[in-house]
Amino acid sequence: MKLTDILVTPLRRVETLGGDVLHAMKKSDAGFTGFGEAYFSWVSAGSVKAWKRHTQMTMNVVVPVGHVRFVFHCVGSDGIEKFRVEEIGETPYARITVPPGIWFGFKGLGSAQSLVLNLASIPHDPDEVERLAIADINFDWN
């Protein structure tokens, strides 16, 4: 997989009396590869959760509350490390589709907790994910 395989899709936020409606995903959307489970993850402001890589799961991540920086990493065929950084949250409100095989991590931005939703293509399986320590990939999170 290449970093260019990551898809960023702007999402609709519909203003309504009493509170907005935030779209996340339809099965007809680009990036939908099936449904396994949906789960939320809180990330505290300034906290980094890294690094992991799914071998089978396609992730579709949305941040309906707060603001999060996602960092994606791979080593090109030339042996050079490559990074891609995307920030999503309440603004800009978007979905990031991450195919399997790409290392990633994320950091909570702002001054409060952020909420990350993953619409995963398969149910979580601990044998399907690989992990590295934050220091194993040289990236400046500041």
N, C-alpha and C. Protein backbone atom coordinates (compact mmCIF):
# COMPACT_ATOMS: atom_id res chain seq x y z
N MET A 1 0.83 -1.19 0.00
CA MET A 1 0.00 0.00 0.00
C MET A 1 0.87 1.25 0.00
N LYS A 2 0.36 2.29 -0.62
CA LYS A 2 1.05 3.56 -0.69
C LYS A 2 0.25 4.62 0.07
N LEU A 3 0.93 5.67 0.49
CA LEU A 3 0.26 6.75 1.21
C LEU A 3 -0.77 7.45 0.33
N THR A 4 -0.59 7.39 -0.98
CA THR A 4 -1.57 7.99 -1.89
C THR A 4 -2.87 7.19 -1.94
N ASP A 5 -2.87 5.97 -1.38
CA ASP A 5 -4.09 5.16 -1.32
C ASP A 5 -5.04 5.61 -0.22
N ILE A 6 -4.57 6.51 0.65
CA ILE A 6 -5.41 7.05 1.71
C ILE A 6 -6.37 8.06 1.09
N LEU A 7 -7.64 7.96 1.42
CA LEU A 7 -8.69 8.81 0.87
C LEU A 7 -9.23 9.73 1.96
N VAL A 8 -9.31 11.03 1.67
CA VAL A 8 -9.92 11.99 2.59
C VAL A 8 -11.20 12.50 1.94
N THR A 9 -12.33 12.29 2.62
CA THR A 9 -13.64 12.65 2.09
C THR A 9 -14.31 13.70 2.97
N PRO A 10 -14.57 14.90 2.44
CA PRO A 10 -15.33 15.88 3.22
C PRO A 10 -16.71 15.31 3.55
N LEU A 11 -17.20 15.62 4.75
CA LEU A 11 -18.49 15.10 5.19
C LEU A 11 -19.49 16.22 5.42
N ARG A 12 -20.77 15.87 5.34
CA ARG A 12 -21.83 16.85 5.57
C ARG A 12 -22.11 17.03 7.04
N ARG A 13 -22.28 18.27 7.39
CA ARG A 13 -22.75 18.66 8.73
C ARG A 13 -24.01 19.45 8.47
N VAL A 14 -25.14 18.95 8.94
CA VAL A 14 -26.43 19.57 8.69
C VAL A 14 -26.86 20.31 9.95
N GLU A 15 -26.99 21.63 9.83
CA GLU A 15 -27.41 22.43 10.98
C GLU A 15 -28.91 22.25 11.18
N THR A 16 -29.27 21.89 12.40
CA THR A 16 -30.69 21.74 12.75
C THR A 16 -30.94 22.40 14.09
N LEU A 17 -32.18 22.79 14.32
CA LEU A 17 -32.55 23.32 15.62
C LEU A 17 -32.31 22.25 16.68
N GLY A 18 -31.68 22.62 17.74
CA GLY A 18 -31.46 21.67 18.82
C GLY A 18 -30.16 20.89 18.70
N GLY A 19 -29.46 21.01 17.58
CA GLY A 19 -28.18 20.31 17.43
C GLY A 19 -27.97 19.77 16.02
N ASP A 20 -26.72 19.83 15.55
CA ASP A 20 -26.39 19.44 14.18
C ASP A 20 -26.41 17.92 14.00
N VAL A 21 -26.61 17.50 12.75
CA VAL A 21 -26.49 16.11 12.33
C VAL A 21 -25.17 15.98 11.59
N LEU A 22 -24.33 15.04 12.00
CA LEU A 22 -23.03 14.84 11.38
C LEU A 22 -23.02 13.51 10.65
N HIS A 23 -22.90 13.56 9.33
CA HIS A 23 -22.83 12.33 8.54
C HIS A 23 -21.47 11.66 8.77
N ALA A 24 -21.42 10.34 8.67
CA ALA A 24 -20.15 9.60 8.81
C ALA A 24 -19.89 8.74 7.58
N MET A 25 -20.84 7.84 7.21
CA MET A 25 -20.61 6.96 6.07
C MET A 25 -21.88 6.26 5.65
N LYS A 26 -22.00 6.09 4.32
CA LYS A 26 -23.05 5.26 3.72
C LYS A 26 -22.38 4.13 2.96
N LYS A 27 -23.08 3.04 2.78
CA LYS A 27 -22.45 1.92 2.06
C LYS A 27 -22.17 2.25 0.60
N SER A 28 -22.77 3.32 0.08
CA SER A 28 -22.49 3.73 -1.30
C SER A 28 -21.29 4.68 -1.40
N ASP A 29 -20.68 5.06 -0.28
CA ASP A 29 -19.55 6.00 -0.28
C ASP A 29 -18.26 5.34 -0.75
N ALA A 30 -17.41 6.15 -1.39
CA ALA A 30 -16.05 5.70 -1.70
C ALA A 30 -15.37 5.39 -0.38
N GLY A 31 -14.60 4.32 -0.33
CA GLY A 31 -13.92 3.93 0.89
C GLY A 31 -14.64 2.85 1.67
N PHE A 32 -15.94 2.64 1.38
CA PHE A 32 -16.67 1.58 2.09
C PHE A 32 -16.25 0.23 1.51
N THR A 33 -15.72 -0.64 2.35
CA THR A 33 -15.27 -1.96 1.90
C THR A 33 -15.93 -3.07 2.70
N GLY A 34 -17.01 -2.73 3.39
CA GLY A 34 -17.69 -3.71 4.23
C GLY A 34 -17.76 -3.17 5.64
N PHE A 35 -18.58 -3.84 6.46
CA PHE A 35 -18.73 -3.41 7.84
C PHE A 35 -18.43 -4.55 8.78
N GLY A 36 -17.51 -4.30 9.71
CA GLY A 36 -17.19 -5.27 10.73
C GLY A 36 -17.63 -4.81 12.10
N GLU A 37 -17.31 -3.55 12.42
CA GLU A 37 -17.74 -2.97 13.69
C GLU A 37 -17.44 -1.47 13.67
N ALA A 38 -18.07 -0.77 14.57
CA ALA A 38 -17.80 0.65 14.79
C ALA A 38 -17.37 0.81 16.24
N TYR A 39 -16.31 1.58 16.45
CA TYR A 39 -15.91 1.84 17.83
C TYR A 39 -15.33 3.24 17.95
N PHE A 40 -15.42 3.78 19.16
CA PHE A 40 -14.93 5.12 19.47
C PHE A 40 -13.67 5.00 20.33
N SER A 41 -12.81 6.00 20.20
CA SER A 41 -11.60 6.08 21.01
C SER A 41 -11.41 7.54 21.42
N TRP A 42 -11.27 7.79 22.71
CA TRP A 42 -10.95 9.13 23.18
C TRP A 42 -9.46 9.32 23.11
N VAL A 43 -9.02 10.52 22.75
CA VAL A 43 -7.61 10.88 22.81
C VAL A 43 -7.51 12.24 23.51
N SER A 44 -6.70 12.28 24.55
CA SER A 44 -6.53 13.51 25.32
C SER A 44 -5.70 14.52 24.53
N ALA A 45 -5.94 15.79 24.80
CA ALA A 45 -5.17 16.85 24.14
C ALA A 45 -3.68 16.64 24.41
N GLY A 46 -2.89 16.64 23.35
CA GLY A 46 -1.44 16.46 23.47
C GLY A 46 -0.98 15.03 23.53
N SER A 47 -1.90 14.07 23.69
CA SER A 47 -1.53 12.65 23.77
C SER A 47 -1.34 12.07 22.38
N VAL A 48 -0.36 11.17 22.27
CA VAL A 48 -0.08 10.48 21.01
C VAL A 48 -0.38 9.00 21.19
N LYS A 49 -1.10 8.44 20.25
CA LYS A 49 -1.34 6.99 20.20
C LYS A 49 -0.71 6.50 18.90
N ALA A 50 0.42 5.79 19.01
CA ALA A 50 1.15 5.33 17.83
C ALA A 50 2.04 4.16 18.25
N TRP A 51 2.46 3.39 17.38
CA TRP A 51 2.19 3.16 15.97
C TRP A 51 1.51 1.82 15.82
N LYS A 52 0.60 1.70 14.86
CA LYS A 52 0.02 0.39 14.55
C LYS A 52 -0.30 0.30 13.08
N ARG A 53 -0.43 -0.94 12.62
CA ARG A 53 -0.71 -1.22 11.21
C ARG A 53 -1.63 -2.43 11.15
N HIS A 54 -2.75 -2.25 10.45
CA HIS A 54 -3.67 -3.37 10.25
C HIS A 54 -3.25 -4.15 9.02
N THR A 55 -3.36 -5.47 9.10
CA THR A 55 -2.98 -6.31 7.96
C THR A 55 -4.18 -6.63 7.07
N GLN A 56 -5.40 -6.49 7.60
CA GLN A 56 -6.61 -6.80 6.83
C GLN A 56 -7.67 -5.72 6.90
N MET A 57 -7.72 -4.96 7.98
CA MET A 57 -8.79 -3.99 8.21
C MET A 57 -8.60 -2.72 7.40
N THR A 58 -9.68 -2.27 6.76
CA THR A 58 -9.75 -0.91 6.23
C THR A 58 -10.42 -0.08 7.29
N MET A 59 -9.78 1.03 7.67
CA MET A 59 -10.35 1.93 8.68
C MET A 59 -10.99 3.11 7.97
N ASN A 60 -12.09 3.57 8.51
CA ASN A 60 -12.73 4.82 8.10
C ASN A 60 -12.89 5.64 9.36
N VAL A 61 -11.98 6.61 9.56
CA VAL A 61 -11.98 7.36 10.81
C VAL A 61 -12.60 8.74 10.63
N VAL A 62 -13.39 9.11 11.62
CA VAL A 62 -14.10 10.39 11.67
C VAL A 62 -13.88 10.96 13.07
N VAL A 63 -13.73 12.28 13.16
CA VAL A 63 -13.57 12.94 14.46
C VAL A 63 -14.73 13.91 14.63
N PRO A 64 -15.84 13.47 15.27
CA PRO A 64 -16.99 14.34 15.44
C PRO A 64 -16.83 15.36 16.57
N VAL A 65 -15.89 15.10 17.49
CA VAL A 65 -15.66 16.00 18.63
C VAL A 65 -14.16 16.26 18.73
N GLY A 66 -13.77 17.52 18.71
CA GLY A 66 -12.37 17.88 18.87
C GLY A 66 -11.63 17.98 17.55
N HIS A 67 -10.32 17.74 17.62
CA HIS A 67 -9.44 17.90 16.46
C HIS A 67 -8.25 16.96 16.64
N VAL A 68 -7.92 16.18 15.59
CA VAL A 68 -6.88 15.16 15.69
C VAL A 68 -5.96 15.23 14.48
N ARG A 69 -4.66 15.06 14.74
CA ARG A 69 -3.65 14.94 13.67
C ARG A 69 -3.35 13.45 13.48
N PHE A 70 -3.56 12.96 12.28
CA PHE A 70 -3.22 11.59 11.92
C PHE A 70 -1.93 11.61 11.11
N VAL A 71 -1.02 10.70 11.43
CA VAL A 71 0.24 10.59 10.70
C VAL A 71 0.33 9.17 10.16
N PHE A 72 0.61 9.09 8.86
CA PHE A 72 0.72 7.81 8.17
C PHE A 72 2.16 7.66 7.69
N HIS A 73 2.67 6.44 7.75
CA HIS A 73 4.09 6.21 7.46
C HIS A 73 4.26 4.97 6.59
N CYS A 74 5.19 5.07 5.67
CA CYS A 74 5.62 3.88 4.91
C CYS A 74 7.05 4.11 4.45
N VAL A 75 7.69 3.05 4.01
CA VAL A 75 9.01 3.14 3.41
C VAL A 75 8.84 2.85 1.93
N GLY A 76 9.26 3.79 1.09
CA GLY A 76 9.10 3.65 -0.34
C GLY A 76 10.01 2.58 -0.91
N SER A 77 9.80 2.25 -2.18
CA SER A 77 10.64 1.25 -2.85
C SER A 77 12.10 1.71 -2.93
N ASP A 78 12.33 3.02 -2.77
CA ASP A 78 13.68 3.57 -2.76
C ASP A 78 14.33 3.49 -1.39
N GLY A 79 13.59 2.93 -0.39
CA GLY A 79 14.12 2.80 0.96
C GLY A 79 13.99 4.05 1.81
N ILE A 80 13.35 5.09 1.27
CA ILE A 80 13.21 6.35 1.99
C ILE A 80 11.88 6.38 2.74
N GLU A 81 11.94 6.79 4.03
CA GLU A 81 10.71 6.92 4.82
C GLU A 81 9.86 8.05 4.28
N LYS A 82 8.57 7.79 4.20
CA LYS A 82 7.62 8.80 3.74
C LYS A 82 6.52 8.95 4.78
N PHE A 83 6.04 10.18 4.94
CA PHE A 83 4.98 10.47 5.89
C PHE A 83 3.87 11.24 5.17
N ARG A 84 2.67 11.07 5.66
CA ARG A 84 1.52 11.87 5.23
C ARG A 84 0.79 12.30 6.49
N VAL A 85 0.47 13.57 6.59
CA VAL A 85 -0.20 14.12 7.77
C VAL A 85 -1.55 14.68 7.34
N GLU A 86 -2.59 14.30 8.04
CA GLU A 86 -3.95 14.82 7.81
C GLU A 86 -4.53 15.21 9.16
N GLU A 87 -5.18 16.37 9.20
CA GLU A 87 -5.87 16.80 10.42
C GLU A 87 -7.35 16.94 10.12
N ILE A 88 -8.16 16.29 10.97
CA ILE A 88 -9.61 16.40 10.84
C ILE A 88 -10.22 16.61 12.21
N GLY A 89 -11.45 17.03 12.21
CA GLY A 89 -12.17 17.25 13.45
C GLY A 89 -13.47 17.95 13.14
N GLU A 90 -13.90 18.75 14.09
CA GLU A 90 -15.13 19.50 13.86
C GLU A 90 -14.97 20.42 12.65
N THR A 91 -13.74 20.94 12.45
CA THR A 91 -13.39 21.70 11.26
C THR A 91 -11.95 21.37 10.91
N PRO A 92 -11.63 20.83 9.75
CA PRO A 92 -12.58 20.37 8.74
C PRO A 92 -13.20 19.04 9.15
N TYR A 93 -14.46 18.90 8.87
CA TYR A 93 -15.17 17.67 9.18
C TYR A 93 -15.05 16.75 7.96
N ALA A 94 -14.36 15.63 8.14
CA ALA A 94 -14.07 14.73 7.03
C ALA A 94 -13.87 13.31 7.55
N ARG A 95 -13.78 12.37 6.61
CA ARG A 95 -13.50 10.97 6.93
C ARG A 95 -12.20 10.60 6.23
N ILE A 96 -11.33 9.89 6.93
CA ILE A 96 -10.10 9.38 6.34
C ILE A 96 -10.24 7.87 6.19
N THR A 97 -10.08 7.39 4.96
CA THR A 97 -10.12 5.95 4.69
C THR A 97 -8.69 5.46 4.56
N VAL A 98 -8.33 4.49 5.42
CA VAL A 98 -6.97 3.97 5.47
C VAL A 98 -7.00 2.48 5.13
N PRO A 99 -6.42 2.11 3.98
CA PRO A 99 -6.38 0.69 3.64
C PRO A 99 -5.40 -0.06 4.54
N PRO A 100 -5.49 -1.38 4.58
CA PRO A 100 -4.55 -2.16 5.39
C PRO A 100 -3.12 -1.98 4.88
N GLY A 101 -2.17 -2.19 5.79
CA GLY A 101 -0.76 -2.19 5.41
C GLY A 101 -0.04 -0.87 5.62
N ILE A 102 -0.70 0.14 6.19
CA ILE A 102 -0.08 1.45 6.39
C ILE A 102 0.06 1.72 7.90
N TRP A 103 1.30 2.04 8.32
CA TRP A 103 1.53 2.41 9.71
C TRP A 103 0.88 3.75 9.99
N PHE A 104 0.29 3.91 11.19
CA PHE A 104 -0.34 5.17 11.54
C PHE A 104 -0.28 5.41 13.04
N GLY A 105 -0.47 6.68 13.36
CA GLY A 105 -0.61 7.11 14.74
C GLY A 105 -1.42 8.38 14.73
N PHE A 106 -1.86 8.83 15.91
CA PHE A 106 -2.60 10.08 15.95
C PHE A 106 -2.37 10.80 17.26
N LYS A 107 -2.60 12.14 17.20
CA LYS A 107 -2.38 13.01 18.35
C LYS A 107 -3.59 13.91 18.54
N GLY A 108 -4.05 14.01 19.78
CA GLY A 108 -5.13 14.93 20.11
C GLY A 108 -4.62 16.36 20.10
N LEU A 109 -5.33 17.23 19.41
CA LEU A 109 -4.96 18.65 19.33
C LEU A 109 -5.93 19.48 20.14
N GLY A 110 -5.62 20.74 20.32
CA GLY A 110 -6.50 21.62 21.07
C GLY A 110 -6.31 21.48 22.56
N SER A 111 -7.34 21.86 23.31
CA SER A 111 -7.22 21.88 24.78
C SER A 111 -8.15 20.89 25.48
N ALA A 112 -8.89 20.10 24.72
CA ALA A 112 -9.83 19.14 25.33
C ALA A 112 -9.68 17.78 24.65
N GLN A 113 -10.36 16.79 25.19
CA GLN A 113 -10.34 15.46 24.57
C GLN A 113 -11.01 15.50 23.20
N SER A 114 -10.55 14.62 22.32
CA SER A 114 -11.17 14.44 21.02
C SER A 114 -11.70 13.02 20.93
N LEU A 115 -12.74 12.85 20.13
CA LEU A 115 -13.37 11.55 19.97
C LEU A 115 -13.16 11.06 18.54
N VAL A 116 -12.57 9.87 18.40
CA VAL A 116 -12.31 9.27 17.10
C VAL A 116 -13.26 8.10 16.91
N LEU A 117 -13.97 8.09 15.78
CA LEU A 117 -14.84 6.97 15.41
C LEU A 117 -14.13 6.19 14.31
N ASN A 118 -14.03 4.88 14.46
CA ASN A 118 -13.52 4.02 13.39
C ASN A 118 -14.66 3.12 12.92
N LEU A 119 -15.02 3.27 11.65
CA LEU A 119 -15.97 2.38 11.01
C LEU A 119 -15.12 1.32 10.30
N ALA A 120 -14.89 0.22 10.97
CA ALA A 120 -13.94 -0.79 10.52
C ALA A 120 -14.60 -1.80 9.59
N SER A 121 -13.82 -2.25 8.60
CA SER A 121 -14.35 -3.19 7.61
C SER A 121 -14.51 -4.60 8.18
N ILE A 122 -13.78 -4.92 9.25
CA ILE A 122 -13.87 -6.23 9.90
C ILE A 122 -13.91 -6.02 11.40
N PRO A 123 -14.41 -7.00 12.16
CA PRO A 123 -14.35 -6.88 13.62
C PRO A 123 -12.90 -6.85 14.10
N HIS A 124 -12.67 -6.18 15.22
CA HIS A 124 -11.32 -6.10 15.79
C HIS A 124 -10.80 -7.51 16.06
N ASP A 125 -9.55 -7.74 15.67
CA ASP A 125 -8.87 -9.01 15.90
C ASP A 125 -7.44 -8.69 16.31
N PRO A 126 -7.06 -8.96 17.56
CA PRO A 126 -5.71 -8.60 18.02
C PRO A 126 -4.60 -9.28 17.21
N ASP A 127 -4.89 -10.38 16.54
CA ASP A 127 -3.88 -11.06 15.72
C ASP A 127 -3.71 -10.41 14.35
N GLU A 128 -4.56 -9.44 14.02
CA GLU A 128 -4.56 -8.79 12.71
C GLU A 128 -3.84 -7.45 12.73
N VAL A 129 -3.41 -7.00 13.89
CA VAL A 129 -2.78 -5.68 14.02
C VAL A 129 -1.33 -5.85 14.49
N GLU A 130 -0.46 -5.05 13.92
CA GLU A 130 0.95 -5.01 14.32
C GLU A 130 1.19 -3.69 15.05
N ARG A 131 2.09 -3.69 16.03
CA ARG A 131 2.35 -2.48 16.82
C ARG A 131 3.85 -2.23 16.92
N LEU A 132 4.17 -0.94 17.00
CA LEU A 132 5.53 -0.49 17.27
C LEU A 132 5.47 0.56 18.37
N ALA A 133 6.58 0.76 19.06
CA ALA A 133 6.67 1.84 20.05
C ALA A 133 6.77 3.17 19.32
N ILE A 134 6.38 4.25 19.99
CA ILE A 134 6.43 5.58 19.38
C ILE A 134 7.83 5.87 18.84
N ALA A 135 8.86 5.50 19.59
CA ALA A 135 10.25 5.81 19.20
C ALA A 135 10.74 4.97 18.02
N ASP A 136 10.02 3.91 17.65
CA ASP A 136 10.47 3.04 16.56
C ASP A 136 10.36 3.70 15.18
N ILE A 137 9.52 4.71 15.04
CA ILE A 137 9.41 5.46 13.79
C ILE A 137 9.77 6.91 14.12
N ASN A 138 10.74 7.43 13.41
CA ASN A 138 11.26 8.76 13.70
C ASN A 138 10.37 9.85 13.13
N PHE A 139 9.45 10.35 13.97
CA PHE A 139 8.57 11.44 13.58
C PHE A 139 8.49 12.44 14.71
N ASP A 140 8.57 13.72 14.39
CA ASP A 140 8.47 14.79 15.40
C ASP A 140 6.99 15.15 15.57
N TRP A 141 6.39 14.72 16.66
CA TRP A 141 4.97 14.95 16.91
C TRP A 141 4.67 16.38 17.34
N ASN A 142 5.71 17.18 17.60
CA ASN A 142 5.49 18.57 18.01
C ASN A 142 5.38 19.40 16.82
